[in-house]
Each structure stands twice: as C-alpha cells, then as structure tokens.
Amino acid sequence: MGGMSQTDERRAEWNSHIRGGWIAVWLVQGSKLTTKDIVSLTGMSKQGVEFMMEILSGGMPIVRIDGYWQWISKK
C-alpha cells in the first residue's frame, strides 16, 4: 500500500513548536544532530531548520560544534 507511515503522517501534522520541542528533547537526551539530520527528522526545509535552531540556541544551551547541534549541560 505505499505512502506515508503512521509516524510520517504524525510528523507531517507537527507545527513548528512541536518540531522544536522534539529536537530539544533529542538533544537534551544526548543526541548530536546535523542540520541534515534535523531536516530528515522534521520534514522541514534546510532554511527552516537553520532558522529554528538559531531561535532554540538563543534561549537554550544548544550549540553547533563541528557541524553537530548539541545540548551543553553544566555538570
């Protein structure tokens, strides 16, 4: 039957707030994601991801190091 899976359909319904929230959750759990990874995970454009990540990194301890977005925690 081809087409999108239930997970893909659910992601297609995500608004920008939910997309940003999921990315923050994955990063805080230790994921290191490239912009391309985030494009794939969210279905957003590269420009949209760059904009979203700049906004998120302005208010959360998220940085890009060597091309990977990551959460910087204080230990």
Protein backbone atom coordinates (compact mmCIF):
# COMPACT_ATOMS: atom_id res chain seq x y z
CA MET A 1 0.00 0.00 0.00
CA GLY A 2 2.93 2.52 -0.19
CA GLY A 3 2.62 6.07 1.03
CA MET A 4 3.48 7.52 4.38
CA SER A 5 3.68 5.51 7.58
CA GLN A 6 1.63 6.48 10.61
CA THR A 7 4.75 8.08 12.15
CA ASP A 8 5.41 10.07 8.96
CA GLU A 9 1.78 11.23 8.90
CA ARG A 10 2.00 12.31 12.53
CA ARG A 11 5.22 14.26 11.86
CA ALA A 12 3.57 15.95 8.88
CA GLU A 13 0.96 17.32 11.31
CA TRP A 14 3.56 18.75 13.73
CA ASN A 15 3.62 22.52 13.96
CA SER A 16 6.89 24.38 14.45
CA HIS A 17 6.55 24.37 18.23
CA ILE A 18 6.22 20.60 18.38
CA ARG A 19 9.12 20.15 15.96
CA GLY A 20 11.33 22.40 18.06
CA GLY A 21 10.24 20.63 21.23
CA TRP A 22 11.14 17.20 19.87
CA ILE A 23 14.52 18.40 18.67
CA ALA A 24 15.22 19.87 22.13
CA VAL A 25 14.20 16.56 23.77
CA TRP A 26 16.50 14.56 21.49
CA LEU A 27 19.38 16.96 22.12
CA VAL A 28 18.94 17.01 25.90
CA GLN A 29 18.99 13.19 25.82
CA GLY A 30 22.45 13.34 24.26
CA SER A 31 21.81 13.23 20.52
CA LYS A 32 24.18 15.21 18.32
CA LEU A 33 22.38 16.15 15.12
CA THR A 34 23.46 17.80 11.91
CA THR A 35 21.15 20.22 10.14
CA LYS A 36 20.59 17.47 7.56
CA ASP A 37 19.56 15.06 10.35
CA ILE A 38 17.02 17.59 11.64
CA VAL A 39 15.67 18.16 8.13
CA SER A 40 15.13 14.41 7.85
CA LEU A 41 13.55 14.09 11.31
CA THR A 42 11.17 17.02 10.96
CA GLY A 43 10.44 17.27 7.25
CA MET A 44 11.36 20.95 7.35
CA SER A 45 13.46 22.76 4.76
CA LYS A 46 17.15 23.38 5.43
CA GLN A 47 16.44 27.10 5.75
CA GLY A 48 13.58 26.40 8.17
CA VAL A 49 15.80 24.18 10.31
CA GLU A 50 18.60 26.76 10.37
CA PHE A 51 16.12 29.43 11.47
CA MET A 52 14.56 27.18 14.14
CA MET A 53 17.93 26.13 15.53
CA GLU A 54 19.14 29.73 15.75
CA ILE A 55 15.99 30.56 17.76
CA LEU A 56 16.36 27.50 20.01
CA SER A 57 20.05 28.15 20.62
CA GLY A 58 19.23 31.72 21.64
CA GLY A 59 17.13 30.55 24.57
CA MET A 60 18.53 27.12 25.44
CA PRO A 61 22.03 25.72 25.95
CA ILE A 62 22.17 24.40 22.38
CA VAL A 63 25.28 24.96 20.28
CA ARG A 64 26.67 23.74 16.98
CA ILE A 65 30.14 22.24 17.26
CA ASP A 66 31.88 20.80 14.20
CA GLY A 67 28.56 20.78 12.32
CA TYR A 68 26.59 18.98 15.06
CA TRP A 69 23.86 20.62 17.10
CA GLN A 70 24.10 19.53 20.72
CA TRP A 71 22.90 20.32 24.21
CA ILE A 72 25.57 21.65 26.54
CA SER A 73 24.86 20.68 30.13
CA LYS A 74 26.58 22.00 33.20
CA LYS A 75 27.85 19.21 35.40
